Protein backbone atom coordinates (compact mmCIF):
# COMPACT_ATOMS: atom_id res chain seq x y z
CA MET A 1 117.46 216.52 226.56
CA GLY A 2 114.42 218.79 226.78
CA ILE A 3 114.58 222.48 227.49
CA ASN A 4 112.96 223.33 230.83
CA GLY A 5 113.74 224.47 234.35
CA CYS A 6 115.93 227.40 235.26
CA CYS A 7 118.49 228.22 232.58
CA THR A 8 120.89 230.92 233.75
CA ALA A 9 121.77 233.58 231.20
CA LEU A 10 125.41 233.81 232.20
CA ILE A 11 127.26 237.10 232.56
CA THR A 12 130.56 237.42 230.71
CA PRO A 13 133.16 238.69 233.21
CA PHE A 14 135.87 241.06 231.99
CA LYS A 15 139.21 241.88 233.59
CA LYS A 16 140.41 245.41 234.40
CA ASP A 17 142.02 245.51 230.94
CA LYS A 18 138.60 244.54 229.49
CA SER A 19 139.74 241.13 228.22
CA VAL A 20 137.45 238.18 228.98
CA ASP A 21 138.20 236.60 232.36
CA PHE A 22 137.82 232.94 231.45
CA GLU A 23 138.93 231.61 234.84
CA LEU A 24 136.27 233.67 236.59
CA PHE A 25 133.76 232.55 233.95
CA LYS A 26 134.50 228.91 234.84
CA LYS A 27 133.94 229.71 238.52
CA GLN A 28 130.61 231.32 237.70
CA ILE A 29 129.55 228.21 235.78
CA LYS A 30 130.61 225.95 238.68
CA ARG A 31 128.53 227.99 241.13
CA GLN A 32 125.49 227.61 238.87
CA LEU A 33 125.97 223.86 238.58
CA ASP A 34 126.56 223.53 242.33
CA ASN A 35 123.13 225.10 242.74
CA LYS A 36 121.66 222.55 240.32
CA VAL A 37 120.26 224.82 237.62
CA SER A 38 118.90 222.92 234.63
CA GLY A 39 120.72 224.84 231.92
CA LEU A 40 123.13 227.59 230.93
CA LEU A 41 123.00 230.27 228.25
CA ALA A 42 126.30 231.64 226.96
CA CYS A 43 126.52 234.86 224.95
CA GLY A 44 123.03 236.17 225.46
CA THR A 45 122.00 239.72 226.33
CA THR A 46 123.19 239.24 229.93
CA GLY A 47 126.51 238.00 228.54
CA GLU A 48 127.11 241.30 226.68
CA SER A 49 127.28 239.42 223.39
CA PRO A 50 127.22 242.58 221.23
CA ALA A 51 130.50 243.64 222.87
CA LEU A 52 132.31 240.39 222.04
CA SER A 53 134.49 239.85 218.99
CA ASP A 54 133.76 236.76 216.90
CA ASP A 55 136.82 235.02 218.35
CA GLU A 56 135.81 235.88 221.92
CA TRP A 57 132.24 234.72 221.29
CA GLU A 58 133.50 231.37 220.03
CA LYS A 59 135.87 230.88 222.96
CA VAL A 60 133.18 231.79 225.51
CA VAL A 61 130.86 229.19 223.96
CA LYS A 62 133.66 226.59 223.94
CA VAL A 63 134.53 227.20 227.59
CA ALA A 64 130.87 226.98 228.60
CA ASN A 65 130.44 223.76 226.63
CA SER A 66 133.55 222.22 228.21
CA ASN A 67 132.29 223.01 231.71
CA LYS A 68 128.52 222.41 231.44
CA LYS A 69 128.61 218.87 232.89
CA ASN A 70 125.03 217.51 233.00
CA SER A 71 123.28 220.81 232.27
CA TYR A 72 122.12 221.75 228.79
CA LEU A 73 123.89 224.63 227.05
CA ILE A 74 122.30 227.24 224.82
CA ALA A 75 124.50 229.49 222.70
CA GLY A 76 123.26 232.89 221.60
CA THR A 77 123.84 232.90 217.84
CA GLY A 78 121.31 235.43 216.57
CA THR A 79 122.16 238.65 214.76
CA ASN A 80 120.25 240.98 212.44
CA ASN A 81 122.03 239.44 209.45
CA THR A 82 120.65 236.08 208.33
CA GLU A 83 123.89 234.79 206.81
CA LYS A 84 125.89 235.83 209.88
CA THR A 85 123.37 234.09 212.10
CA ILE A 86 123.75 230.92 210.04
CA GLU A 87 127.53 231.14 210.31
CA LYS A 88 127.45 231.48 214.10
CA THR A 89 124.84 228.75 214.47
CA LYS A 90 127.00 226.34 212.47
CA ILE A 91 129.98 227.16 214.69
CA ALA A 92 127.87 226.52 217.80
CA GLU A 93 126.74 223.21 216.32
CA SER A 94 130.35 222.19 215.66
CA ILE A 95 131.28 223.02 219.27
CA GLY A 96 128.56 220.68 220.50
CA VAL A 97 126.06 222.92 222.28
CA ASP A 98 122.52 221.68 222.80
CA TYR A 99 120.53 224.63 221.45
CA ALA A 100 120.95 227.91 219.59
CA LEU A 101 119.09 230.98 220.81
CA VAL A 102 118.19 233.10 217.78
CA ILE A 103 116.89 236.60 218.42
CA THR A 104 114.46 238.28 216.05
CA PRO A 105 116.52 240.60 213.81
CA TYR A 106 116.86 244.03 215.40
CA TYR A 107 117.23 247.52 213.90
CA ASN A 108 116.25 246.42 210.36
CA LYS A 109 112.78 245.51 211.75
CA PRO A 110 111.49 242.82 209.35
CA ASN A 111 107.77 242.21 208.96
CA GLN A 112 106.23 238.86 209.94
CA GLN A 113 106.99 237.29 206.54
CA GLY A 114 110.60 238.40 206.87
CA LEU A 115 110.77 236.77 210.29
CA VAL A 116 109.38 233.52 208.89
CA GLU A 117 111.91 233.44 206.07
CA HIS A 118 114.79 234.34 208.41
CA PHE A 119 114.04 231.57 210.90
CA LYS A 120 113.29 229.03 208.17
CA LYS A 121 116.65 229.65 206.51
CA VAL A 122 118.55 229.46 209.80
CA ALA A 123 116.77 226.24 210.80
CA LYS A 124 117.40 224.66 207.40
CA SER A 125 121.14 225.35 207.70
CA THR A 126 121.66 223.25 210.85
CA LYS A 127 120.65 220.14 212.74
CA LEU A 128 120.90 222.11 215.97
CA GLU A 129 117.62 222.77 217.78
CA ILE A 130 116.59 226.42 217.60
CA ILE A 131 114.95 228.57 220.28
CA ILE A 132 113.34 231.79 219.04
CA TYR A 133 114.09 234.84 221.19
CA ASN A 134 111.37 237.48 221.29
CA VAL A 135 112.30 240.69 223.13
CA PRO A 136 110.54 243.58 221.38
CA SER A 137 111.72 246.17 223.93
CA ARG A 138 115.24 245.66 222.57
CA THR A 139 114.66 244.71 218.95
CA GLY A 140 111.79 246.95 217.90
CA VAL A 141 109.94 243.97 216.41
CA ASN A 142 107.42 241.59 218.00
CA ILE A 143 107.03 238.09 216.58
CA LEU A 144 103.30 237.36 216.70
CA PRO A 145 101.76 234.15 218.09
CA GLU A 146 100.53 233.14 214.61
CA THR A 147 104.07 233.48 213.27
CA VAL A 148 105.49 231.45 216.14
CA ALA A 149 102.84 228.78 215.54
CA HIS A 150 103.82 228.59 211.86
CA LEU A 151 107.51 228.26 212.75
CA SER A 152 106.79 225.63 215.42
CA GLU A 153 105.91 223.21 212.60
CA ILE A 154 109.60 223.19 211.60
CA LYS A 155 111.16 220.14 213.23
CA ASN A 156 114.21 221.80 214.76
CA ILE A 157 112.51 225.00 215.95
CA VAL A 158 111.62 223.68 219.38
CA GLY A 159 110.83 226.63 221.62
CA ILE A 160 110.77 230.33 222.37
CA LYS A 161 112.25 232.62 224.98
CA GLU A 162 109.25 234.91 225.34
CA ALA A 163 110.27 238.28 226.78
CA SER A 164 107.47 240.52 225.55
CA GLY A 165 106.09 240.67 229.10
CA ASN A 166 102.62 240.01 227.67
CA LEU A 167 100.86 237.05 229.29
CA ASN A 168 98.05 237.14 226.73
CA GLN A 169 100.60 236.77 223.95
CA THR A 170 102.30 233.92 225.81
CA THR A 171 98.96 232.16 226.24
CA GLU A 172 98.17 232.55 222.53
CA ILE A 173 101.53 231.00 221.62
CA LEU A 174 100.78 228.03 223.85
CA LEU A 175 97.31 227.64 222.33
CA LYS A 176 98.43 227.94 218.70
CA ALA A 177 101.89 226.36 218.55
CA LYS A 178 102.57 222.72 217.82
CA LYS A 179 102.12 220.37 220.79
CA GLY A 180 105.40 220.00 222.67
CA PHE A 181 106.71 223.42 221.64
CA SER A 182 108.51 224.81 224.70
CA VAL A 183 107.78 228.28 226.04
CA MET A 184 110.46 229.67 228.37
CA SER A 185 109.90 232.90 230.26
CA GLY A 186 112.31 235.64 229.31
CA GLU A 187 111.17 237.85 232.19
CA ASP A 188 112.17 237.03 235.75
CA SER A 189 109.28 238.93 237.34
CA ILE A 190 106.61 236.81 235.61
CA PHE A 191 108.25 233.38 235.84
CA LEU A 192 105.44 231.92 237.97
CA PRO A 193 102.63 233.43 235.87
CA ILE A 194 104.20 231.98 232.72
CA LEU A 195 104.49 228.56 234.36
CA SER A 196 100.82 228.84 235.34
CA VAL A 197 99.68 229.25 231.72
CA GLY A 198 101.83 226.38 230.43
CA GLY A 199 105.44 227.54 230.26
CA VAL A 200 108.15 225.02 231.08
CA GLY A 201 110.92 227.19 232.52
CA ILE A 202 112.89 230.39 232.35
CA ILE A 203 116.04 231.82 230.83
CA SER A 204 116.94 233.96 233.81
CA THR A 205 119.14 236.92 234.61
CA ILE A 206 118.57 237.03 238.36
CA SER A 207 119.67 233.40 238.72
CA ASN A 208 123.21 234.74 238.38
CA VAL A 209 122.52 235.92 241.95
CA VAL A 210 119.87 233.48 243.26
CA PRO A 211 120.14 230.27 241.19
CA GLU A 212 118.91 228.00 243.98
CA TYR A 213 115.69 229.99 244.41
CA MET A 214 114.88 230.13 240.71
CA GLN A 215 115.42 226.40 240.25
CA SER A 216 113.37 225.73 243.40
CA LEU A 217 110.44 227.76 242.07
CA PHE A 218 110.36 225.57 238.96
CA GLU A 219 110.59 222.35 240.98
CA LEU A 220 107.94 223.42 243.49
CA PHE A 221 105.52 224.30 240.70
CA PHE A 222 105.77 220.89 239.06
CA ALA A 223 105.51 219.24 242.48
CA LYS A 224 102.17 221.12 242.78
CA GLU A 225 103.39 223.03 245.85
CA ILE A 226 101.54 226.11 244.66
CA GLU A 227 101.39 228.03 247.95
CA GLU A 228 105.16 227.60 248.40
CA CYS A 229 105.61 228.76 244.79
CA ARG A 230 103.57 231.85 245.48
CA LYS A 231 105.61 232.68 248.58
CA LEU A 232 108.85 232.25 246.66
CA HIS A 233 107.56 234.35 243.77
CA HIS A 234 106.71 237.17 246.19
CA PHE A 235 110.12 236.85 247.87
CA LEU A 236 111.94 237.09 244.53
CA TYR A 237 109.79 239.85 243.06
CA PRO A 238 111.81 242.80 244.47
CA ILE A 239 115.12 241.56 243.07
CA SER A 240 113.48 240.67 239.76
CA LYS A 241 112.50 244.32 239.42
CA VAL A 242 115.56 246.11 240.84
CA LEU A 243 118.00 244.17 238.64
CA PHE A 244 116.39 245.84 235.64
CA VAL A 245 116.41 249.37 237.03
CA GLU A 246 119.02 250.13 234.36
CA THR A 247 120.03 248.26 231.22
CA ASN A 248 120.76 244.56 231.79
CA PRO A 249 123.41 243.38 232.76
CA VAL A 250 124.55 246.57 234.52
CA PRO A 251 122.50 246.05 237.73
CA VAL A 252 123.09 242.29 237.99
CA LYS A 253 126.85 242.73 237.66
CA TYR A 254 126.80 245.33 240.42
CA CYS A 255 124.63 243.11 242.63
CA MET A 256 127.05 240.22 242.17
CA GLU A 257 129.98 242.47 243.04
CA TYR A 258 128.17 243.68 246.16
CA LEU A 259 127.56 240.08 247.27
CA ASN A 260 131.24 239.13 246.68
CA LEU A 261 130.30 237.00 243.66
CA ASP A 262 132.93 238.78 241.53
CA SER A 263 131.26 239.69 238.26
CA GLY A 264 134.21 241.41 236.61
CA GLU A 265 134.03 244.62 234.62
CA LEU A 266 131.51 245.91 232.08
CA ARG A 267 132.48 246.75 228.50
CA LEU A 268 131.54 249.94 226.73
CA PRO A 269 129.07 251.13 225.68
CA LEU A 270 127.70 249.92 229.04
CA ALA A 271 128.74 252.11 231.97
CA PRO A 272 128.61 251.42 235.73
CA LEU A 273 125.37 251.62 237.69
CA SER A 274 124.45 255.08 238.98
CA GLU A 275 125.04 255.78 242.68
CA ASN A 276 121.31 256.10 243.41
CA ASN A 277 120.59 252.76 241.80
CA LYS A 278 123.51 251.11 243.61
CA LYS A 279 121.76 252.07 246.84
CA LEU A 280 118.49 250.60 245.55
CA VAL A 281 120.19 247.29 244.75
CA GLU A 282 121.94 247.21 248.13
CA GLU A 283 118.73 247.97 250.04
CA THR A 284 116.86 245.27 248.14
CA VAL A 285 119.34 242.48 248.83
CA LYS A 286 119.63 243.54 252.49
CA ASN A 287 115.84 243.49 252.90
CA MET A 288 115.76 240.03 251.33
CA GLY A 289 118.45 238.80 253.72
CA LEU A 290 120.74 237.61 250.95
CA LYS A 291 124.18 236.69 252.29
CA LYS A 292 127.51 237.63 250.82
CA GLU A 293 129.41 234.70 249.30
CA ILE A 294 132.89 233.93 248.04
CA ILE A 295 133.32 231.92 244.85
């Protein structure tokens, strides 16, 4: 099973008492699969993984794995502690997920050699296929194309979620990495540009709201329907910007709530969307003509 297409970075819904709402989580997964997305990511940034206990993280991954059907499942296993990352990756492997998403260590800000050694050690500890996650705006460290190319020679490091927002960097990764190394966009607003330089898909936040459109964009591109792709990219651009007007997943959870998609509560330290930004989200979805649903 290759990584490609639209992979939805699932939200984690919480009840009023802030416990994980697993029944609602299953409904969210079903809606994604009904809209034929290629894959699912559990416990990523959009899933508020830093706010989950180890037990909750494991149960969320198990529930996602039990309900994924024919889609592939990625589990977010990365931390800024190499041994902890190995521990979580081994648990994900034992559950039976298809890939582990391993973020570059944050806060402690390793240099490029530290990144190489971190990913090598994690990869050596498991048979699970590893996807590097580069998001320097959150981590404070940028994994360089040369470093990615070096790591791509390791058999079970198979791809990268590239969320630097830098198309030149993405292009350099594609030029320098081992043939067959998969580059997935980590930015919704530049999904089409990343496909155009050789990317194979996206790990998407906005597909929590518009899964059918994000999967269609991927399919249209590989069917060489470029003008239709461009139209769809322009249609989706406003929502791909407004859902990051505050820290992800705050806006996407509000947008889902507004569209009756029932996203559940946030957990601290994340707080609800500001009133001004609620209006921005509402205006955007109205202008796009998105319809309210019931799941």
